[in-house]
Amino acid sequence: MSIAPKEVRGNEVKELRECGIYETPTGKKLIASRFRRSTSDGRRIISAIGSNISYFLFSQYQWAFHGEPEFEVAPTGELVSPTNWNVEELVDTGYTAGAH
């Protein structure tokens, strides 16, 4: 089992698991989703890069209460927002977040 959410084979990028829980190098847990598109108050979640988004990454709190994502992952596997870590450093915990 690979712990990296992205493996490059030619031009192929391995995707994150839908509702997969990943841990950042700082220990923060994030939930990956490409399908959640609205918040609890009905606001649409808008991607900073348009409709070409690969995944949103939500904190556990934001996931549980249908809030805004903290990060976006581009189809290339790169984070849209600058951080001190990158997608390759996310560790798949093997857990899956429940959908509410």
PDB file of N, CA and C in Angstrom:
ATOM      1  N   MET A   1       0.846  -1.186   0.000  1.00  0.00           N
ATOM      2  CA  MET A   1       0.000   0.000   0.000  1.00  0.00           C
ATOM      3  C   MET A   1       0.886   1.241   0.000  1.00  0.00           C
ATOM      4  N   SER A   2       0.678   2.102  -0.958  1.00  0.00           N
ATOM      5  CA  SER A   2       1.450   3.342  -1.047  1.00  0.00           C
ATOM      6  C   SER A   2       0.875   4.378  -0.101  1.00  0.00           C
ATOM      7  N   ILE A   3       1.751   5.121   0.572  1.00  0.00           N
ATOM      8  CA  ILE A   3       1.252   6.158   1.461  1.00  0.00           C
ATOM      9  C   ILE A   3       1.131   7.486   0.739  1.00  0.00           C
ATOM     10  N   ALA A   4       1.643   7.570  -0.483  1.00  0.00           N
ATOM     11  CA  ALA A   4       1.567   8.820  -1.234  1.00  0.00           C
ATOM     12  C   ALA A   4       0.267   8.857  -2.019  1.00  0.00           C
ATOM     13  N   PRO A   5      -0.486   9.963  -1.956  1.00  0.00           N
ATOM     14  CA  PRO A   5      -1.737  10.040  -2.675  1.00  0.00           C
ATOM     15  C   PRO A   5      -1.546  10.266  -4.163  1.00  0.00           C
ATOM     16  N   LYS A   6      -0.318  10.575  -4.565  1.00  0.00           N
ATOM     17  CA  LYS A   6      -0.070  10.852  -5.970  1.00  0.00           C
ATOM     18  C   LYS A   6       1.114  10.022  -6.432  1.00  0.00           C
ATOM     19  N   GLU A   7       0.916   9.212  -7.434  1.00  0.00           N
ATOM     20  CA  GLU A   7       2.008   8.479  -8.045  1.00  0.00           C
ATOM     21  C   GLU A   7       1.994   8.802  -9.517  1.00  0.00           C
ATOM     22  N   VAL A   8       3.115   9.218 -10.042  1.00  0.00           N
ATOM     23  CA  VAL A   8       3.172   9.588 -11.446  1.00  0.00           C
ATOM     24  C   VAL A   8       3.716   8.416 -12.244  1.00  0.00           C
ATOM     25  N   ARG A   9       2.945   7.979 -13.205  1.00  0.00           N
ATOM     26  CA  ARG A   9       3.357   6.934 -14.138  1.00  0.00           C
ATOM     27  C   ARG A   9       3.100   7.496 -15.527  1.00  0.00           C
ATOM     28  N   GLY A  10       4.125   7.995 -16.161  1.00  0.00           N
ATOM     29  CA  GLY A  10       3.930   8.693 -17.424  1.00  0.00           C
ATOM     30  C   GLY A  10       3.204   9.979 -17.117  1.00  0.00           C
ATOM     31  N   ASN A  11       2.028  10.179 -17.697  1.00  0.00           N
ATOM     32  CA  ASN A  11       1.223  11.373 -17.439  1.00  0.00           C
ATOM     33  C   ASN A  11       0.077  11.092 -16.476  1.00  0.00           C
ATOM     34  N   GLU A  12       0.027   9.895 -15.923  1.00  0.00           N
ATOM     35  CA  GLU A  12      -1.077   9.497 -15.057  1.00  0.00           C
ATOM     36  C   GLU A  12      -0.828   9.969 -13.625  1.00  0.00           C
ATOM     37  N   VAL A  13      -1.827  10.553 -13.007  1.00  0.00           N
ATOM     38  CA  VAL A  13      -1.751  10.980 -11.620  1.00  0.00           C
ATOM     39  C   VAL A  13      -2.772  10.160 -10.828  1.00  0.00           C
ATOM     40  N   LYS A  14      -2.310   9.480  -9.795  1.00  0.00           N
ATOM     41  CA  LYS A  14      -3.223   8.720  -8.941  1.00  0.00           C
ATOM     42  C   LYS A  14      -4.026   9.698  -8.106  1.00  0.00           C
ATOM     43  N   GLU A  15      -5.321   9.500  -8.069  1.00  0.00           N
ATOM     44  CA  GLU A  15      -6.195  10.427  -7.362  1.00  0.00           C
ATOM     45  C   GLU A  15      -6.330  10.063  -5.892  1.00  0.00           C
ATOM     46  N   LEU A  16      -6.700  11.060  -5.106  1.00  0.00           N
ATOM     47  CA  LEU A  16      -7.021  10.836  -3.706  1.00  0.00           C
ATOM     48  C   LEU A  16      -8.343  10.084  -3.627  1.00  0.00           C
ATOM     49  N   ARG A  17      -8.559   9.379  -2.529  1.00  0.00           N
ATOM     50  CA  ARG A  17      -9.815   8.655  -2.347  1.00  0.00           C
ATOM     51  C   ARG A  17     -10.927   9.619  -1.966  1.00  0.00           C
ATOM     52  N   GLU A  18     -12.107   9.437  -2.544  1.00  0.00           N
ATOM     53  CA  GLU A  18     -13.271  10.236  -2.158  1.00  0.00           C
ATOM     54  C   GLU A  18     -13.578   9.951  -0.689  1.00  0.00           C
ATOM     55  N   CYS A  19     -13.659  11.002   0.110  1.00  0.00           N
ATOM     56  CA  CYS A  19     -13.901  10.943   1.549  1.00  0.00           C
ATOM     57  C   CYS A  19     -12.749  10.303   2.324  1.00  0.00           C
ATOM     58  N   GLY A  20     -11.619  10.133   1.653  1.00  0.00           N
ATOM     59  CA  GLY A  20     -10.440   9.590   2.331  1.00  0.00           C
ATOM     60  C   GLY A  20      -9.899  10.602   3.331  1.00  0.00           C
ATOM     61  N   ILE A  21      -9.422  10.113   4.463  1.00  0.00           N
ATOM     62  CA  ILE A  21      -8.843  10.983   5.484  1.00  0.00           C
ATOM     63  C   ILE A  21      -7.326  10.891   5.370  1.00  0.00           C
ATOM     64  N   TYR A  22      -6.704  12.051   5.185  1.00  0.00           N
ATOM     65  CA  TYR A  22      -5.258  12.147   4.992  1.00  0.00           C
ATOM     66  C   TYR A  22      -4.657  12.993   6.105  1.00  0.00           C
ATOM     67  N   GLU A  23      -3.413  12.683   6.450  1.00  0.00           N
ATOM     68  CA  GLU A  23      -2.709  13.447   7.476  1.00  0.00           C
ATOM     69  C   GLU A  23      -1.581  14.239   6.832  1.00  0.00           C
ATOM     70  N   THR A  24      -1.503  15.530   7.190  1.00  0.00           N
ATOM     71  CA  THR A  24      -0.435  16.395   6.690  1.00  0.00           C
ATOM     72  C   THR A  24       0.829  16.143   7.516  1.00  0.00           C
ATOM     73  N   PRO A  25       1.978  16.629   7.053  1.00  0.00           N
ATOM     74  CA  PRO A  25       3.211  16.483   7.839  1.00  0.00           C
ATOM     75  C   PRO A  25       3.123  17.154   9.216  1.00  0.00           C
ATOM     76  N   THR A  26       2.213  18.102   9.377  1.00  0.00           N
ATOM     77  CA  THR A  26       2.055  18.780  10.664  1.00  0.00           C
ATOM     78  C   THR A  26       1.068  18.052  11.581  1.00  0.00           C
ATOM     79  N   GLY A  27       0.488  16.957  11.103  1.00  0.00           N
ATOM     80  CA  GLY A  27      -0.423  16.167  11.919  1.00  0.00           C
ATOM     81  C   GLY A  27      -1.891  16.500  11.744  1.00  0.00           C
ATOM     82  N   LYS A  28      -2.208  17.481  10.923  1.00  0.00           N
ATOM     83  CA  LYS A  28      -3.605  17.855  10.688  1.00  0.00           C
ATOM     84  C   LYS A  28      -4.273  16.823   9.779  1.00  0.00           C
ATOM     85  N   LYS A  29      -5.511  16.488  10.094  1.00  0.00           N
ATOM     86  CA  LYS A  29      -6.274  15.549   9.275  1.00  0.00           C
ATOM     87  C   LYS A  29      -7.147  16.330   8.287  1.00  0.00           C
ATOM     88  N   LEU A  30      -7.153  15.878   7.041  1.00  0.00           N
ATOM     89  CA  LEU A  30      -7.958  16.506   5.984  1.00  0.00           C
ATOM     90  C   LEU A  30      -8.762  15.443   5.263  1.00  0.00           C
ATOM     91  N   ILE A  31      -9.968  15.807   4.839  1.00  0.00           N
ATOM     92  CA  ILE A  31     -10.833  14.903   4.089  1.00  0.00           C
ATOM     93  C   ILE A  31     -10.875  15.370   2.642  1.00  0.00           C
ATOM     94  N   ALA A  32     -10.637  14.449   1.725  1.00  0.00           N
ATOM     95  CA  ALA A  32     -10.635  14.759   0.294  1.00  0.00           C
ATOM     96  C   ALA A  32     -12.011  14.497  -0.307  1.00  0.00           C
ATOM     97  N   SER A  33     -12.484  15.441  -1.124  1.00  0.00           N
ATOM     98  CA  SER A  33     -13.755  15.238  -1.823  1.00  0.00           C
ATOM     99  C   SER A  33     -13.769  16.023  -3.124  1.00  0.00           C
ATOM    100  N   ARG A  34     -14.214  15.362  -4.160  1.00  0.00           N
ATOM    101  CA  ARG A  34     -14.408  16.060  -5.423  1.00  0.00           C
ATOM    102  C   ARG A  34     -15.892  16.323  -5.673  1.00  0.00           C
ATOM    103  N   PHE A  35     -16.764  15.772  -4.835  1.00  0.00           N
ATOM    104  CA  PHE A  35     -18.203  15.887  -5.075  1.00  0.00           C
ATOM    105  C   PHE A  35     -18.932  16.868  -4.178  1.00  0.00           C
ATOM    106  N   ARG A  36     -18.394  17.206  -3.016  1.00  0.00           N
ATOM    107  CA  ARG A  36     -19.089  18.160  -2.146  1.00  0.00           C
ATOM    108  C   ARG A  36     -18.972  19.541  -2.774  1.00  0.00           C
ATOM    109  N   ARG A  37     -20.107  20.164  -3.044  1.00  0.00           N
ATOM    110  CA  ARG A  37     -20.111  21.430  -3.768  1.00  0.00           C
ATOM    111  C   ARG A  37     -20.906  22.539  -3.098  1.00  0.00           C
ATOM    112  N   SER A  38     -21.420  22.277  -1.874  1.00  0.00           N
ATOM    113  CA  SER A  38     -22.167  23.335  -1.195  1.00  0.00           C
ATOM    114  C   SER A  38     -21.944  23.257   0.310  1.00  0.00           C
ATOM    115  N   THR A  39     -22.161  24.397   0.970  1.00  0.00           N
ATOM    116  CA  THR A  39     -22.010  24.485   2.413  1.00  0.00           C
ATOM    117  C   THR A  39     -23.359  24.237   3.080  1.00  0.00           C
ATOM    118  N   SER A  40     -23.368  24.172   4.396  1.00  0.00           N
ATOM    119  CA  SER A  40     -24.606  23.881   5.126  1.00  0.00           C
ATOM    120  C   SER A  40     -25.672  24.952   4.925  1.00  0.00           C
ATOM    121  N   ASP A  41     -25.253  26.187   4.631  1.00  0.00           N
ATOM    122  CA  ASP A  41     -26.239  27.251   4.413  1.00  0.00           C
ATOM    123  C   ASP A  41     -26.617  27.391   2.935  1.00  0.00           C
ATOM    124  N   GLY A  42     -26.234  26.404   2.132  1.00  0.00           N
ATOM    125  CA  GLY A  42     -26.642  26.372   0.733  1.00  0.00           C
ATOM    126  C   GLY A  42     -25.736  27.124  -0.228  1.00  0.00           C
ATOM    127  N   ARG A  43     -24.673  27.749   0.304  1.00  0.00           N
ATOM    128  CA  ARG A  43     -23.755  28.457  -0.599  1.00  0.00           C
ATOM    129  C   ARG A  43     -22.959  27.455  -1.419  1.00  0.00           C
ATOM    130  N   ARG A  44     -22.782  27.781  -2.674  1.00  0.00           N
ATOM    131  CA  ARG A  44     -22.010  26.936  -3.574  1.00  0.00           C
ATOM    132  C   ARG A  44     -20.521  27.123  -3.305  1.00  0.00           C
ATOM    133  N   ILE A  45     -19.774  26.025  -3.262  1.00  0.00           N
ATOM    134  CA  ILE A  45     -18.321  26.101  -3.090  1.00  0.00           C
ATOM    135  C   ILE A  45     -17.711  26.345  -4.466  1.00  0.00           C
ATOM    136  N   ILE A  46     -17.021  27.462  -4.595  1.00  0.00           N
ATOM    137  CA  ILE A  46     -16.439  27.866  -5.874  1.00  0.00           C
ATOM    138  C   ILE A  46     -14.936  27.599  -5.856  1.00  0.00           C
ATOM    139  N   SER A  47     -14.465  26.945  -6.882  1.00  0.00           N
ATOM    140  CA  SER A  47     -13.038  26.668  -7.004  1.00  0.00           C
ATOM    141  C   SER A  47     -12.289  27.899  -7.473  1.00  0.00           C
ATOM    142  N   ALA A  48     -11.086  28.088  -6.949  1.00  0.00           N
ATOM    143  CA  ALA A  48     -10.234  29.201  -7.378  1.00  0.00           C
ATOM    144  C   ALA A  48      -9.706  28.995  -8.793  1.00  0.00           C
ATOM    145  N   ILE A  49      -9.741  27.753  -9.289  1.00  0.00           N
ATOM    146  CA  ILE A  49      -9.224  27.486 -10.630  1.00  0.00           C
ATOM    147  C   ILE A  49     -10.332  27.071 -11.602  1.00  0.00           C
ATOM    148  N   GLY A  50     -11.550  27.377 -11.266  1.00  0.00           N
ATOM    149  CA  GLY A  50     -12.662  27.055 -12.165  1.00  0.00           C
ATOM    150  C   GLY A  50     -13.115  25.616 -12.014  1.00  0.00           C
ATOM    151  N   SER A  51     -13.712  25.087 -13.047  1.00  0.00           N
ATOM    152  CA  SER A  51     -14.299  23.748 -12.985  1.00  0.00           C
ATOM    153  C   SER A  51     -13.256  22.648 -13.127  1.00  0.00           C
ATOM    154  N   ASN A  52     -12.011  23.013 -13.258  1.00  0.00           N
ATOM    155  CA  ASN A  52     -10.944  22.038 -13.456  1.00  0.00           C
ATOM    156  C   ASN A  52     -10.383  21.478 -12.151  1.00  0.00           C
ATOM    157  N   ILE A  53     -11.094  21.655 -11.058  1.00  0.00           N
ATOM    158  CA  ILE A  53     -10.605  21.202  -9.759  1.00  0.00           C
ATOM    159  C   ILE A  53     -10.567  19.678  -9.715  1.00  0.00           C
ATOM    160  N   SER A  54      -9.558  19.151  -9.066  1.00  0.00           N
ATOM    161  CA  SER A  54      -9.471  17.711  -8.894  1.00  0.00           C
ATOM    162  C   SER A  54     -10.137  17.316  -7.572  1.00  0.00           C
ATOM    163  N   TYR A  55      -9.689  17.934  -6.477  1.00  0.00           N
ATOM    164  CA  TYR A  55     -10.250  17.647  -5.156  1.00  0.00           C
ATOM    165  C   TYR A  55     -10.235  18.881  -4.283  1.00  0.00           C
ATOM    166  N   PHE A  56     -11.190  18.944  -3.361  1.00  0.00           N
ATOM    167  CA  PHE A  56     -11.151  19.896  -2.261  1.00  0.00           C
ATOM    168  C   PHE A  56     -10.642  19.119  -1.054  1.00  0.00           C
ATOM    169  N   LEU A  57      -9.935  19.794  -0.159  1.00  0.00           N
ATOM    170  CA  LEU A  57      -9.491  19.204   1.105  1.00  0.00           C
ATOM    171  C   LEU A  57     -10.121  19.987   2.242  1.00  0.00           C
ATOM    172  N   PHE A  58     -10.882  19.297   3.071  1.00  0.00           N
ATOM    173  CA  PHE A  58     -11.617  19.902   4.180  1.00  0.00           C
ATOM    174  C   PHE A  58     -10.979  19.504   5.503  1.00  0.00           C
ATOM    175  N   SER A  59     -10.968  20.428   6.475  1.00  0.00           N
ATOM    176  CA  SER A  59     -10.591  20.039   7.835  1.00  0.00           C
ATOM    177  C   SER A  59     -11.714  19.146   8.358  1.00  0.00           C
ATOM    178  N   GLN A  60     -11.439  18.415   9.415  1.00  0.00           N
ATOM    179  CA  GLN A  60     -12.472  17.541   9.977  1.00  0.00           C
ATOM    180  C   GLN A  60     -13.678  18.347  10.446  1.00  0.00           C
ATOM    181  N   TYR A  61     -13.441  19.506  11.024  1.00  0.00           N
ATOM    182  CA  TYR A  61     -14.537  20.364  11.489  1.00  0.00           C
ATOM    183  C   TYR A  61     -15.377  20.838  10.305  1.00  0.00           C
ATOM    184  N   GLN A  62     -14.725  21.356   9.268  1.00  0.00           N
ATOM    185  CA  GLN A  62     -15.444  21.861   8.104  1.00  0.00           C
ATOM    186  C   GLN A  62     -16.205  20.746   7.390  1.00  0.00           C
ATOM    187  N   TRP A  63     -15.641  19.551   7.381  1.00  0.00           N
ATOM    188  CA  TRP A  63     -16.337  18.418   6.771  1.00  0.00           C
ATOM    189  C   TRP A  63     -17.601  18.090   7.574  1.00  0.00           C
ATOM    190  N   ALA A  64     -17.453  18.003   8.876  1.00  0.00           N
ATOM    191  CA  ALA A  64     -18.582  17.619   9.734  1.00  0.00           C
ATOM    192  C   ALA A  64     -19.723  18.619   9.672  1.00  0.00           C
ATOM    193  N   PHE A  65     -19.389  19.910   9.528  1.00  0.00           N
ATOM    194  CA  PHE A  65     -20.420  20.945   9.535  1.00  0.00           C
ATOM    195  C   PHE A  65     -20.645  21.586   8.169  1.00  0.00           C
ATOM    196  N   HIS A  66     -20.225  20.881   7.119  1.00  0.00           N
ATOM    197  CA  HIS A  66     -20.446  21.322   5.736  1.00  0.00           C
ATOM    198  C   HIS A  66     -19.948  22.745   5.490  1.00  0.00           C
ATOM    199  N   GLY A  67     -18.713  22.995   5.884  1.00  0.00           N
ATOM    200  CA  GLY A  67     -18.111  24.312   5.693  1.00  0.00           C
ATOM    201  C   GLY A  67     -17.297  24.393   4.413  1.00  0.00           C
ATOM    202  N   GLU A  68     -16.516  25.452   4.318  1.00  0.00           N
ATOM    203  CA  GLU A  68     -15.667  25.697   3.149  1.00  0.00           C
ATOM    204  C   GLU A  68     -14.411  24.813   3.209  1.00  0.00           C
ATOM    205  N   PRO A  69     -13.900  24.395   2.049  1.00  0.00           N
ATOM    206  CA  PRO A  69     -12.657  23.621   2.049  1.00  0.00           C
ATOM    207  C   PRO A  69     -11.466  24.515   2.403  1.00  0.00           C
ATOM    208  N   GLU A  70     -10.422  23.911   2.950  1.00  0.00           N
ATOM    209  CA  GLU A  70      -9.218  24.662   3.279  1.00  0.00           C
ATOM    210  C   GLU A  70      -8.263  24.725   2.087  1.00  0.00           C
ATOM    211  N   PHE A  71      -8.279  23.675   1.268  1.00  0.00           N
ATOM    212  CA  PHE A  71      -7.349  23.597   0.143  1.00  0.00           C
ATOM    213  C   PHE A  71      -8.044  23.037  -1.084  1.00  0.00           C
ATOM    214  N   GLU A  72      -7.432  23.288  -2.233  1.00  0.00           N
ATOM    215  CA  GLU A  72      -7.863  22.689  -3.489  1.00  0.00           C
ATOM    216  C   GLU A  72      -6.667  21.981  -4.106  1.00  0.00           C
ATOM    217  N   VAL A  73      -6.926  20.854  -4.742  1.00  0.00           N
ATOM    218  CA  VAL A  73      -5.883  20.118  -5.439  1.00  0.00           C
ATOM    219  C   VAL A  73      -6.203  20.190  -6.928  1.00  0.00           C
ATOM    220  N   ALA A  74      -5.252  20.690  -7.713  1.00  0.00           N
ATOM    221  CA  ALA A  74      -5.416  20.808  -9.155  1.00  0.00           C
ATOM    222  C   ALA A  74      -5.320  19.419  -9.804  1.00  0.00           C
ATOM    223  N   PRO A  75      -5.813  19.271 -11.036  1.00  0.00           N
ATOM    224  CA  PRO A  75      -5.719  17.984 -11.729  1.00  0.00           C
ATOM    225  C   PRO A  75      -4.278  17.487 -11.879  1.00  0.00           C
ATOM    226  N   THR A  76      -3.316  18.388 -11.799  1.00  0.00           N
ATOM    227  CA  THR A  76      -1.900  18.005 -11.875  1.00  0.00           C
ATOM    228  C   THR A  76      -1.409  17.397 -10.572  1.00  0.00           C
ATOM    229  N   GLY A  77      -2.235  17.456  -9.508  1.00  0.00           N
ATOM    230  CA  GLY A  77      -1.845  16.934  -8.207  1.00  0.00           C
ATOM    231  C   GLY A  77      -1.204  17.974  -7.307  1.00  0.00           C
ATOM    232  N   GLU A  78      -1.159  19.221  -7.760  1.00  0.00           N
ATOM    233  CA  GLU A  78      -0.553  20.288  -6.971  1.00  0.00           C
ATOM    234  C   GLU A  78      -1.603  21.028  -6.157  1.00  0.00           C
ATOM    235  N   LEU A  79      -1.201  21.505  -4.983  1.00  0.00           N
ATOM    236  CA  LEU A  79      -2.086  22.331  -4.161  1.00  0.00           C
ATOM    237  C   LEU A  79      -2.219  23.705  -4.794  1.00  0.00           C
ATOM    238  N   VAL A  80      -3.427  24.233  -4.805  1.00  0.00           N
ATOM    239  CA  VAL A  80      -3.674  25.563  -5.363  1.00  0.00           C
ATOM    240  C   VAL A  80      -3.203  26.630  -4.379  1.00  0.00           C
ATOM    241  N   SER A  81      -3.459  26.434  -3.095  1.00  0.00           N
ATOM    242  CA  SER A  81      -3.056  27.391  -2.067  1.00  0.00           C
ATOM    243  C   SER A  81      -1.639  27.070  -1.596  1.00  0.00           C
ATOM    244  N   PRO A  82      -0.821  28.100  -1.381  1.00  0.00           N
ATOM    245  CA  PRO A  82       0.538  27.819  -0.903  1.00  0.00           C
ATOM    246  C   PRO A  82       0.537  27.317   0.546  1.00  0.00           C
ATOM    247  N   THR A  83       1.317  26.286   0.798  1.00  0.00           N
ATOM    248  CA  THR A  83       1.486  25.737   2.142  1.00  0.00           C
ATOM    249  C   THR A  83       2.953  25.358   2.311  1.00  0.00           C
ATOM    250  N   ASN A  84       3.309  24.915   3.499  1.00  0.00           N
ATOM    251  CA  ASN A  84       4.675  24.457   3.719  1.00  0.00           C
ATOM    252  C   ASN A  84       4.799  22.949   3.501  1.00  0.00           C
ATOM    253  N   TRP A  85       3.788  22.328   2.869  1.00  0.00           N
ATOM    254  CA  TRP A  85       3.814  20.912   2.511  1.00  0.00           C
ATOM    255  C   TRP A  85       3.153  20.753   1.147  1.00  0.00           C
ATOM    256  N   ASN A  86       3.334  19.592   0.535  1.00  0.00           N
ATOM    257  CA  ASN A  86       2.694  19.357  -0.761  1.00  0.00           C
ATOM    258  C   ASN A  86       1.882  18.065  -0.725  1.00  0.00           C
ATOM    259  N   VAL A  87       1.127  17.830  -1.772  1.00  0.00           N
ATOM    260  CA  VAL A  87       0.196  16.703  -1.816  1.00  0.00           C
ATOM    261  C   VAL A  87       0.924  15.367  -1.644  1.00  0.00           C
ATOM    262  N   GLU A  88       2.125  15.251  -2.179  1.00  0.00           N
ATOM    263  CA  GLU A  88       2.873  14.003  -2.062  1.00  0.00           C
ATOM    264  C   GLU A  88       3.168  13.639  -0.609  1.00  0.00           C
ATOM    265  N   GLU A  89       3.140  14.620   0.282  1.00  0.00           N
ATOM    266  CA  GLU A  89       3.434  14.384   1.690  1.00  0.00           C
ATOM    267  C   GLU A  89       2.213  13.959   2.503  1.00  0.00           C
ATOM    268  N   LEU A  90       1.026  14.001   1.905  1.00  0.00           N
ATOM    269  CA  LEU A  90      -0.171  13.552   2.620  1.00  0.00           C
ATOM    270  C   LEU A  90      -0.099  12.042   2.815  1.00  0.00           C
ATOM    271  N   VAL A  91      -0.406  11.605   4.019  1.00  0.00           N
ATOM    272  CA  VAL A  91      -0.408  10.182   4.337  1.00  0.00           C
ATOM    273  C   VAL A  91      -1.859   9.720   4.452  1.00  0.00           C
ATOM    274  N   ASP A  92      -2.199   8.695   3.686  1.00  0.00           N
ATOM    275  CA  ASP A  92      -3.540   8.124   3.748  1.00  0.00           C
ATOM    276  C   ASP A  92      -3.661   7.349   5.056  1.00  0.00           C
ATOM    277  N   THR A  93      -4.597   7.758   5.904  1.00  0.00           N
ATOM    278  CA  THR A  93      -4.773   7.090   7.202  1.00  0.00           C
ATOM    279  C   THR A  93      -5.477   5.739   7.051  1.00  0.00           C
ATOM    280  N   GLY A  94      -6.088   5.522   5.888  1.00  0.00           N
ATOM    281  CA  GLY A  94      -6.851   4.297   5.680  1.00  0.00           C
ATOM    282  C   GLY A  94      -8.298   4.426   6.134  1.00  0.00           C
ATOM    283  N   TYR A  95      -8.622   5.567   6.759  1.00  0.00           N
ATOM    284  CA  TYR A  95      -9.985   5.813   7.214  1.00  0.00           C
ATOM    285  C   TYR A  95     -10.757   6.581   6.163  1.00  0.00           C
ATOM    286  N   THR A  96     -12.077   6.453   6.224  1.00  0.00           N
ATOM    287  CA  THR A  96     -12.966   7.145   5.302  1.00  0.00           C
ATOM    288  C   THR A  96     -13.980   7.944   6.115  1.00  0.00           C
ATOM    289  N   ALA A  97     -14.168   9.204   5.744  1.00  0.00           N
ATOM    290  CA  ALA A  97     -15.135  10.056   6.436  1.00  0.00           C
ATOM    291  C   ALA A  97     -16.541   9.684   5.992  1.00  0.00           C
ATOM    292  N   GLY A  98     -17.452   9.718   6.940  1.00  0.00           N
ATOM    293  CA  GLY A  98     -18.847   9.435   6.614  1.00  0.00           C
ATOM    294  C   GLY A  98     -19.484  10.627   5.915  1.00  0.00           C
ATOM    295  N   ALA A  99     -20.405  10.340   5.031  1.00  0.00           N
ATOM    296  CA  ALA A  99     -21.167  11.409   4.374  1.00  0.00           C
ATOM    297  C   ALA A  99     -22.377  11.707   5.234  1.00  0.00           C
ATOM    298  N   HIS A 100     -22.701  12.976   5.352  1.00  0.00           N
ATOM    299  CA  HIS A 100     -23.892  13.304   6.141  1.00  0.00           C
ATOM    300  C   HIS A 100     -24.908  13.893   5.234  1.00  0.00           C
TER     301      HIS A 100
END
